[in-house]
């Protein structure tokens, strides 16, 4: 009979130990990776976003005539912006990750120091074939798959 009693006590103790909270069930304090995950922003939409040009053909972009170069893709078929000296507008077509821009029309001001950059920007837009967005960054590729332009989304206040 004593053997059964000791066995019963052992079973009860083991059962109680199984019900006790273990350390795996205790809430852990957030690690350093958690705040970084909060800083990751979802991908910005291609259209109706102010895209500031930051790189053109692998080189940093300088502001034109005191204003940053940018584009805004309005709706599903229009693009417009500032190319460094002149405002521009044009048509565009977006299909999946494909992007086709043109023809582009622009004002006709002459600005000595920025005309070469402006021309390269407008040419790169007309040669656009694909785009990709990662967070707030937009990359545009030509037909050869080379990234010709990089933009960053800018939020207006």
N, C-alpha and C. Protein backbone atom coordinates (compact mmCIF):
# COMPACT_ATOMS: atom_id res chain seq x y z
N UNK A 1 0.82 -1.18 0.00
CA UNK A 1 0.00 0.00 0.00
C UNK A 1 0.87 1.24 0.00
N UNK A 2 1.99 1.18 0.73
CA UNK A 2 2.88 2.32 0.76
C UNK A 2 3.42 2.60 -0.62
N UNK A 3 3.65 1.58 -1.42
CA UNK A 3 4.16 1.78 -2.76
C UNK A 3 3.15 2.56 -3.59
N UNK A 4 1.93 2.29 -3.46
CA UNK A 4 0.90 2.99 -4.21
C UNK A 4 0.82 4.43 -3.75
N UNK A 5 0.94 4.71 -2.49
CA UNK A 5 0.87 6.05 -1.96
C UNK A 5 2.03 6.89 -2.48
N UNK A 6 3.22 6.33 -2.43
CA UNK A 6 4.37 7.07 -2.96
C UNK A 6 4.23 7.30 -4.45
N UNK A 7 3.72 6.35 -5.14
CA UNK A 7 3.50 6.52 -6.58
C UNK A 7 2.45 7.59 -6.83
N UNK A 8 1.42 7.59 -6.03
CA UNK A 8 0.37 8.60 -6.18
C UNK A 8 0.92 9.99 -5.95
N UNK A 9 1.75 10.11 -4.91
CA UNK A 9 2.36 11.40 -4.60
C UNK A 9 3.26 11.83 -5.75
N UNK A 10 4.02 10.90 -6.28
CA UNK A 10 4.91 11.21 -7.39
C UNK A 10 4.12 11.67 -8.62
N UNK A 11 3.04 11.00 -8.93
CA UNK A 11 2.20 11.38 -10.07
C UNK A 11 1.61 12.77 -9.84
N UNK A 12 1.16 13.06 -8.64
CA UNK A 12 0.58 14.37 -8.33
C UNK A 12 1.62 15.46 -8.47
N UNK A 13 2.83 15.22 -7.97
CA UNK A 13 3.89 16.22 -8.08
C UNK A 13 4.29 16.45 -9.52
N UNK A 14 4.41 15.39 -10.29
CA UNK A 14 4.75 15.55 -11.71
C UNK A 14 3.64 16.28 -12.45
N UNK A 15 2.43 15.97 -12.13
CA UNK A 15 1.30 16.66 -12.76
C UNK A 15 1.29 18.14 -12.42
N UNK A 16 1.56 18.46 -11.16
CA UNK A 16 1.61 19.86 -10.73
C UNK A 16 2.76 20.58 -11.39
N UNK A 17 3.89 19.91 -11.55
CA UNK A 17 5.04 20.54 -12.20
C UNK A 17 4.72 20.85 -13.66
N UNK A 18 3.93 20.01 -14.29
CA UNK A 18 3.53 20.25 -15.68
C UNK A 18 2.63 21.45 -15.82
N UNK A 19 1.90 21.79 -14.79
CA UNK A 19 0.99 22.93 -14.83
C UNK A 19 1.68 24.24 -14.48
N UNK A 20 2.84 24.15 -13.85
CA UNK A 20 3.54 25.36 -13.44
C UNK A 20 4.05 26.10 -14.68
N UNK A 21 4.00 27.42 -14.66
CA UNK A 21 4.50 28.15 -15.82
C UNK A 21 5.99 27.96 -15.98
N UNK A 22 6.42 27.71 -17.21
CA UNK A 22 7.84 27.62 -17.45
C UNK A 22 8.34 28.92 -18.04
N UNK A 23 9.62 29.06 -18.19
CA UNK A 23 10.19 30.31 -18.66
C UNK A 23 9.85 30.61 -20.10
N UNK A 24 9.54 29.59 -20.89
CA UNK A 24 9.18 29.82 -22.29
C UNK A 24 7.86 30.55 -22.39
N UNK A 25 6.99 30.36 -21.37
CA UNK A 25 5.70 31.01 -21.42
C UNK A 25 5.72 32.42 -20.87
N UNK A 26 6.79 32.82 -20.26
CA UNK A 26 6.90 34.16 -19.68
C UNK A 26 7.20 35.15 -20.80
N UNK A 27 6.52 36.26 -20.77
CA UNK A 27 6.74 37.27 -21.81
C UNK A 27 8.18 37.76 -21.76
N UNK A 28 8.79 37.82 -22.93
CA UNK A 28 10.17 38.26 -23.01
C UNK A 28 10.21 39.75 -23.31
N UNK A 29 11.26 40.38 -22.89
CA UNK A 29 11.43 41.79 -23.21
C UNK A 29 11.81 41.91 -24.68
N UNK A 30 11.37 42.95 -25.37
CA UNK A 30 11.69 43.10 -26.78
C UNK A 30 13.19 43.18 -26.99
N UNK A 31 13.62 42.60 -28.07
CA UNK A 31 15.04 42.66 -28.42
C UNK A 31 15.31 43.91 -29.23
N UNK A 32 16.55 44.15 -29.53
CA UNK A 32 16.93 45.34 -30.30
C UNK A 32 16.34 45.30 -31.70
N UNK A 33 16.01 44.11 -32.23
CA UNK A 33 15.48 44.00 -33.59
C UNK A 33 14.06 44.53 -33.67
N UNK A 34 13.31 44.50 -32.56
CA UNK A 34 11.92 44.93 -32.61
C UNK A 34 11.77 46.40 -33.00
N UNK A 35 12.51 47.34 -32.41
CA UNK A 35 12.35 48.73 -32.83
C UNK A 35 12.70 48.93 -34.31
N UNK A 36 13.68 48.20 -34.81
CA UNK A 36 14.05 48.35 -36.21
C UNK A 36 12.89 47.94 -37.10
N UNK A 37 12.14 46.90 -36.71
CA UNK A 37 11.00 46.47 -37.51
C UNK A 37 9.93 47.55 -37.55
N UNK A 38 9.80 48.31 -36.46
CA UNK A 38 8.82 49.39 -36.44
C UNK A 38 9.20 50.51 -37.40
N UNK A 39 10.49 50.69 -37.68
CA UNK A 39 10.94 51.75 -38.56
C UNK A 39 10.81 51.40 -40.03
N UNK A 40 10.59 50.13 -40.34
CA UNK A 40 10.44 49.72 -41.73
C UNK A 40 9.08 50.19 -42.21
N UNK A 41 9.09 50.94 -43.28
CA UNK A 41 7.84 51.47 -43.80
C UNK A 41 7.39 50.63 -44.98
N UNK A 42 6.09 50.53 -45.18
CA UNK A 42 5.62 49.77 -46.33
C UNK A 42 5.98 50.50 -47.62
N UNK A 43 5.95 49.77 -48.71
CA UNK A 43 6.26 50.37 -50.00
C UNK A 43 5.28 51.49 -50.32
N UNK A 44 5.83 52.59 -50.81
CA UNK A 44 5.05 53.74 -51.23
C UNK A 44 4.43 53.39 -52.59
N UNK A 45 3.32 53.98 -52.92
CA UNK A 45 2.71 53.72 -54.22
C UNK A 45 3.44 54.52 -55.30
N UNK A 46 3.47 53.99 -56.49
CA UNK A 46 4.13 54.65 -57.61
C UNK A 46 3.42 55.95 -57.96
N UNK A 47 2.12 55.89 -58.04
CA UNK A 47 1.35 57.07 -58.47
C UNK A 47 0.98 57.94 -57.27
N UNK A 48 0.75 59.21 -57.58
CA UNK A 48 0.35 60.21 -56.59
C UNK A 48 1.35 60.35 -55.44
N UNK A 49 2.62 60.18 -55.76
CA UNK A 49 3.72 60.35 -54.81
C UNK A 49 4.71 61.34 -55.42
N UNK A 50 5.23 62.23 -54.61
CA UNK A 50 6.26 63.18 -55.05
C UNK A 50 7.59 62.43 -54.98
N UNK A 51 8.19 62.17 -56.14
CA UNK A 51 9.46 61.43 -56.22
C UNK A 51 10.60 62.40 -56.50
N UNK A 52 11.49 62.55 -55.54
CA UNK A 52 12.67 63.41 -55.68
C UNK A 52 13.80 62.60 -56.31
N UNK A 53 14.36 63.09 -57.42
CA UNK A 53 15.46 62.43 -58.09
C UNK A 53 16.73 62.61 -57.26
N UNK A 54 17.40 61.49 -56.91
CA UNK A 54 18.62 61.59 -56.12
C UNK A 54 19.84 61.05 -56.87
N UNK A 55 19.60 60.24 -57.91
CA UNK A 55 20.71 59.68 -58.68
C UNK A 55 20.28 59.53 -60.14
N UNK A 56 21.17 59.95 -61.04
CA UNK A 56 20.91 59.87 -62.47
C UNK A 56 22.13 59.26 -63.15
N UNK A 57 21.92 58.14 -63.83
CA UNK A 57 23.00 57.42 -64.52
C UNK A 57 24.21 57.19 -63.61
N UNK A 58 23.93 56.80 -62.36
CA UNK A 58 24.98 56.45 -61.41
C UNK A 58 25.63 57.61 -60.69
N UNK A 59 25.21 58.83 -60.94
CA UNK A 59 25.81 60.01 -60.30
C UNK A 59 24.76 60.75 -59.47
N UNK A 60 25.23 61.38 -58.40
CA UNK A 60 24.34 62.20 -57.58
C UNK A 60 23.80 63.36 -58.41
N UNK A 61 22.63 63.81 -58.07
CA UNK A 61 21.96 64.89 -58.80
C UNK A 61 22.13 66.20 -58.05
N UNK A 62 22.44 67.25 -58.79
CA UNK A 62 22.51 68.58 -58.17
C UNK A 62 21.21 69.31 -58.46
N UNK A 63 20.75 70.15 -57.52
CA UNK A 63 19.50 70.88 -57.74
C UNK A 63 19.63 71.81 -58.94
N UNK A 64 18.54 72.00 -59.60
CA UNK A 64 18.53 72.91 -60.73
C UNK A 64 17.86 74.21 -60.36
N UNK A 65 18.52 75.31 -60.63
CA UNK A 65 17.93 76.63 -60.40
C UNK A 65 17.29 76.74 -59.01
N UNK A 66 17.93 76.13 -58.01
CA UNK A 66 17.46 76.25 -56.63
C UNK A 66 16.33 75.33 -56.24
N UNK A 67 15.88 74.45 -57.13
CA UNK A 67 14.79 73.52 -56.81
C UNK A 67 15.24 72.10 -57.10
N UNK A 68 14.69 71.15 -56.35
CA UNK A 68 15.05 69.76 -56.56
C UNK A 68 14.33 69.19 -57.79
N UNK A 69 15.01 68.30 -58.48
CA UNK A 69 14.43 67.62 -59.62
C UNK A 69 13.46 66.57 -59.09
N UNK A 70 12.30 66.47 -59.69
CA UNK A 70 11.29 65.54 -59.21
C UNK A 70 10.30 65.18 -60.29
N UNK A 71 9.48 64.18 -59.97
CA UNK A 71 8.35 63.83 -60.82
C UNK A 71 7.21 63.35 -59.95
N UNK A 72 6.02 63.51 -60.48
CA UNK A 72 4.81 63.00 -59.85
C UNK A 72 4.03 62.28 -60.93
N UNK A 73 3.72 61.02 -60.68
CA UNK A 73 2.93 60.24 -61.63
C UNK A 73 1.48 60.35 -61.18
N UNK A 74 0.70 61.04 -61.98
CA UNK A 74 -0.69 61.34 -61.61
C UNK A 74 -1.62 60.33 -62.27
N UNK A 75 -2.42 59.69 -61.43
CA UNK A 75 -3.37 58.72 -61.96
C UNK A 75 -2.64 57.59 -62.66
N UNK A 76 -3.25 57.05 -63.68
CA UNK A 76 -2.68 55.89 -64.36
C UNK A 76 -1.95 56.24 -65.65
N UNK A 77 -1.99 57.53 -66.05
CA UNK A 77 -1.44 57.80 -67.38
C UNK A 77 -0.73 59.14 -67.57
N UNK A 78 -0.44 59.88 -66.50
CA UNK A 78 0.21 61.18 -66.65
C UNK A 78 1.40 61.32 -65.70
N UNK A 79 2.46 61.94 -66.21
CA UNK A 79 3.63 62.23 -65.39
C UNK A 79 3.97 63.70 -65.58
N UNK A 80 4.46 64.33 -64.54
CA UNK A 80 4.88 65.72 -64.62
C UNK A 80 5.91 65.99 -63.55
N UNK A 81 6.62 67.11 -63.70
CA UNK A 81 7.61 67.44 -62.68
C UNK A 81 8.51 68.57 -63.11
N UNK A 82 9.68 68.61 -62.46
CA UNK A 82 10.67 69.64 -62.71
C UNK A 82 11.98 68.95 -63.05
N UNK A 83 12.58 69.31 -64.18
CA UNK A 83 13.76 68.62 -64.70
C UNK A 83 15.07 69.36 -64.42
N UNK A 84 15.04 70.49 -63.74
CA UNK A 84 16.26 71.21 -63.42
C UNK A 84 16.24 72.65 -63.89
N UNK A 85 15.53 72.89 -64.97
CA UNK A 85 15.35 74.23 -65.49
C UNK A 85 13.90 74.43 -65.90
N UNK A 86 13.33 73.39 -66.45
CA UNK A 86 11.98 73.46 -67.02
C UNK A 86 11.02 72.47 -66.37
N UNK A 87 9.76 72.86 -66.37
CA UNK A 87 8.69 71.94 -65.98
C UNK A 87 8.45 70.98 -67.14
N UNK A 88 8.03 69.77 -66.85
CA UNK A 88 7.71 68.84 -67.92
C UNK A 88 6.42 68.10 -67.63
N UNK A 89 5.83 67.56 -68.66
CA UNK A 89 4.62 66.75 -68.56
C UNK A 89 4.65 65.71 -69.67
N UNK A 90 3.96 64.64 -69.47
CA UNK A 90 3.92 63.61 -70.50
C UNK A 90 2.95 62.51 -70.14
N UNK A 91 2.88 61.56 -71.03
CA UNK A 91 2.01 60.42 -70.79
C UNK A 91 2.86 59.26 -70.28
N UNK A 92 2.20 58.31 -69.65
CA UNK A 92 2.90 57.12 -69.16
C UNK A 92 1.94 55.95 -69.16
N UNK A 93 2.54 54.77 -69.19
CA UNK A 93 1.77 53.54 -69.10
C UNK A 93 2.46 52.64 -68.08
N UNK A 94 1.69 52.12 -67.15
CA UNK A 94 2.21 51.21 -66.14
C UNK A 94 1.50 49.87 -66.30
N UNK A 95 2.28 48.80 -66.45
CA UNK A 95 1.74 47.45 -66.52
C UNK A 95 2.62 46.55 -65.67
N UNK A 96 2.09 46.10 -64.54
CA UNK A 96 2.90 45.30 -63.61
C UNK A 96 4.08 46.11 -63.14
N UNK A 97 5.31 45.60 -63.40
CA UNK A 97 6.50 46.37 -63.05
C UNK A 97 7.06 47.11 -64.26
N UNK A 98 6.30 47.10 -65.35
CA UNK A 98 6.71 47.82 -66.56
C UNK A 98 6.27 49.27 -66.51
N UNK A 99 7.11 50.14 -67.06
CA UNK A 99 6.82 51.58 -67.07
C UNK A 99 7.28 52.15 -68.40
N UNK A 100 6.38 52.82 -69.07
CA UNK A 100 6.71 53.47 -70.34
C UNK A 100 6.29 54.94 -70.23
N UNK A 101 7.22 55.84 -70.55
CA UNK A 101 6.96 57.28 -70.44
C UNK A 101 7.21 57.94 -71.79
N UNK A 102 6.30 58.83 -72.17
CA UNK A 102 6.53 59.63 -73.37
C UNK A 102 5.34 59.63 -74.29
N UNK A 103 5.32 60.59 -75.15
CA UNK A 103 6.32 61.65 -75.31
C UNK A 103 6.24 62.67 -74.17
N UNK A 104 7.34 63.36 -73.96
CA UNK A 104 7.43 64.37 -72.90
C UNK A 104 7.51 65.75 -73.55
N UNK A 105 6.75 66.68 -72.98
CA UNK A 105 6.80 68.09 -73.40
C UNK A 105 7.32 68.90 -72.22
N UNK A 106 8.08 69.95 -72.50
CA UNK A 106 8.58 70.79 -71.42
C UNK A 106 8.58 72.25 -71.85
N UNK A 107 8.68 73.11 -70.84
CA UNK A 107 8.82 74.53 -71.14
C UNK A 107 10.18 74.72 -71.81
N UNK A 108 10.47 75.90 -72.33
CA UNK A 108 11.69 76.10 -73.14
C UNK A 108 12.66 77.12 -72.57
N UNK A 109 12.76 77.23 -71.26
CA UNK A 109 13.74 78.14 -70.66
C UNK A 109 15.14 77.61 -70.89
N UNK A 110 16.11 78.49 -70.93
CA UNK A 110 17.51 78.10 -71.08
C UNK A 110 18.24 78.42 -69.78
N UNK A 111 18.87 77.41 -69.20
CA UNK A 111 19.63 77.56 -67.95
C UNK A 111 21.00 76.95 -68.20
N UNK A 112 22.00 77.75 -68.27
CA UNK A 112 23.33 77.32 -68.69
C UNK A 112 23.88 76.13 -67.91
N UNK A 113 23.84 76.18 -66.60
CA UNK A 113 24.54 75.18 -65.80
C UNK A 113 23.85 73.83 -65.66
N UNK A 114 22.58 73.73 -65.99
CA UNK A 114 21.85 72.49 -65.71
C UNK A 114 21.23 71.82 -66.94
N UNK A 115 21.46 72.36 -68.12
CA UNK A 115 20.80 71.83 -69.30
C UNK A 115 21.23 70.40 -69.64
N UNK A 116 22.50 70.08 -69.41
CA UNK A 116 22.97 68.73 -69.71
C UNK A 116 22.29 67.71 -68.78
N UNK A 117 22.22 68.02 -67.49
CA UNK A 117 21.55 67.13 -66.53
C UNK A 117 20.08 67.01 -66.86
N UNK A 118 19.44 68.13 -67.21
CA UNK A 118 18.01 68.11 -67.54
C UNK A 118 17.76 67.22 -68.75
N UNK A 119 18.56 67.35 -69.76
CA UNK A 119 18.41 66.54 -70.96
C UNK A 119 18.58 65.05 -70.64
N UNK A 120 19.57 64.72 -69.81
CA UNK A 120 19.80 63.32 -69.42
C UNK A 120 18.62 62.78 -68.61
N UNK A 121 18.04 63.59 -67.75
CA UNK A 121 16.89 63.19 -66.95
C UNK A 121 15.69 62.88 -67.85
N UNK A 122 15.38 63.79 -68.75
CA UNK A 122 14.23 63.58 -69.64
C UNK A 122 14.46 62.39 -70.56
N UNK A 123 15.69 62.21 -71.02
CA UNK A 123 16.01 61.05 -71.87
C UNK A 123 15.86 59.75 -71.09
N UNK A 124 16.33 59.73 -69.86
CA UNK A 124 16.20 58.53 -69.03
C UNK A 124 14.74 58.20 -68.77
N UNK A 125 13.90 59.22 -68.58
CA UNK A 125 12.47 58.98 -68.41
C UNK A 125 11.87 58.34 -69.66
N UNK A 126 12.23 58.88 -70.82
CA UNK A 126 11.68 58.33 -72.06
C UNK A 126 12.20 56.92 -72.35
N UNK A 127 13.35 56.54 -71.78
CA UNK A 127 13.91 55.20 -71.98
C UNK A 127 13.50 54.23 -70.87
N UNK A 128 12.66 54.65 -69.94
CA UNK A 128 12.25 53.80 -68.83
C UNK A 128 11.51 52.56 -69.34
N UNK A 129 11.82 51.43 -68.74
CA UNK A 129 11.16 50.17 -69.08
C UNK A 129 10.55 49.48 -67.87
N UNK A 130 11.24 49.54 -66.74
CA UNK A 130 10.79 48.85 -65.53
C UNK A 130 11.06 49.72 -64.31
N UNK A 131 10.32 49.42 -63.26
CA UNK A 131 10.55 50.12 -62.00
C UNK A 131 10.43 49.14 -60.84
N UNK A 132 11.02 49.50 -59.72
CA UNK A 132 10.84 48.74 -58.49
C UNK A 132 10.82 49.72 -57.33
N UNK A 133 9.98 49.40 -56.35
CA UNK A 133 9.86 50.24 -55.16
C UNK A 133 10.21 49.39 -53.95
N UNK A 134 11.05 49.95 -53.10
CA UNK A 134 11.41 49.31 -51.84
C UNK A 134 11.28 50.36 -50.75
N UNK A 135 10.24 50.25 -49.96
CA UNK A 135 9.98 51.26 -48.93
C UNK A 135 9.67 52.60 -49.57
N UNK A 136 10.56 53.56 -49.40
CA UNK A 136 10.36 54.90 -49.95
C UNK A 136 11.31 55.18 -51.11
N UNK A 137 11.92 54.15 -51.66
CA UNK A 137 12.89 54.30 -52.74
C UNK A 137 12.34 53.72 -54.03
N UNK A 138 12.53 54.44 -55.11
CA UNK A 138 12.09 54.03 -56.44
C UNK A 138 13.31 53.94 -57.35
N UNK A 139 13.44 52.82 -58.04
CA UNK A 139 14.52 52.64 -59.02
C UNK A 139 13.86 52.41 -60.37
N UNK A 140 14.40 53.08 -61.39
CA UNK A 140 13.88 52.92 -62.76
C UNK A 140 15.00 52.38 -63.63
N UNK A 141 14.66 51.34 -64.40
CA UNK A 141 15.63 50.68 -65.27
C UNK A 141 15.30 50.94 -66.73
N UNK A 142 16.35 50.87 -67.57
CA UNK A 142 16.16 50.97 -69.02
C UNK A 142 15.97 49.56 -69.58
N UNK A 143 15.93 49.43 -70.90
CA UNK A 143 15.69 48.14 -71.55
C UNK A 143 16.80 47.13 -71.26
N UNK A 144 18.01 47.59 -70.98
CA UNK A 144 19.14 46.70 -70.67
C UNK A 144 19.14 46.24 -69.23
N UNK A 145 18.20 46.71 -68.42
CA UNK A 145 18.14 46.34 -67.01
C UNK A 145 19.03 47.18 -66.11
N UNK A 146 19.63 48.24 -66.66
CA UNK A 146 20.47 49.14 -65.86
C UNK A 146 19.58 50.14 -65.12
N UNK A 147 19.88 50.35 -63.85
CA UNK A 147 19.16 51.37 -63.09
C UNK A 147 19.70 52.72 -63.54
N UNK A 148 18.85 53.51 -64.17
CA UNK A 148 19.28 54.82 -64.67
C UNK A 148 18.88 55.96 -63.74
N UNK A 149 17.87 55.72 -62.90
CA UNK A 149 17.41 56.77 -61.99
C UNK A 149 17.01 56.17 -60.65
N UNK A 150 17.32 56.91 -59.60
CA UNK A 150 16.85 56.55 -58.26
C UNK A 150 16.15 57.77 -57.66
N UNK A 151 15.02 57.50 -57.06
CA UNK A 151 14.20 58.55 -56.45
C UNK A 151 13.93 58.17 -55.01
N UNK A 152 13.55 59.17 -54.22
CA UNK A 152 13.08 58.95 -52.85
C UNK A 152 11.76 59.69 -52.71
N UNK A 153 10.81 59.08 -52.00
CA UNK A 153 9.52 59.71 -51.78
C UNK A 153 9.67 60.85 -50.79
N UNK A 154 9.01 61.96 -51.08
CA UNK A 154 9.05 63.14 -50.21
C UNK A 154 7.62 63.42 -49.77
N UNK A 155 7.44 63.67 -48.48
CA UNK A 155 6.12 63.94 -47.95
C UNK A 155 5.96 65.43 -47.72
N UNK A 156 4.88 65.96 -48.19
CA UNK A 156 4.60 67.39 -48.04
C UNK A 156 3.92 67.63 -46.70
N UNK A 157 4.21 68.76 -46.11
CA UNK A 157 3.60 69.11 -44.83
C UNK A 157 2.53 70.13 -45.02
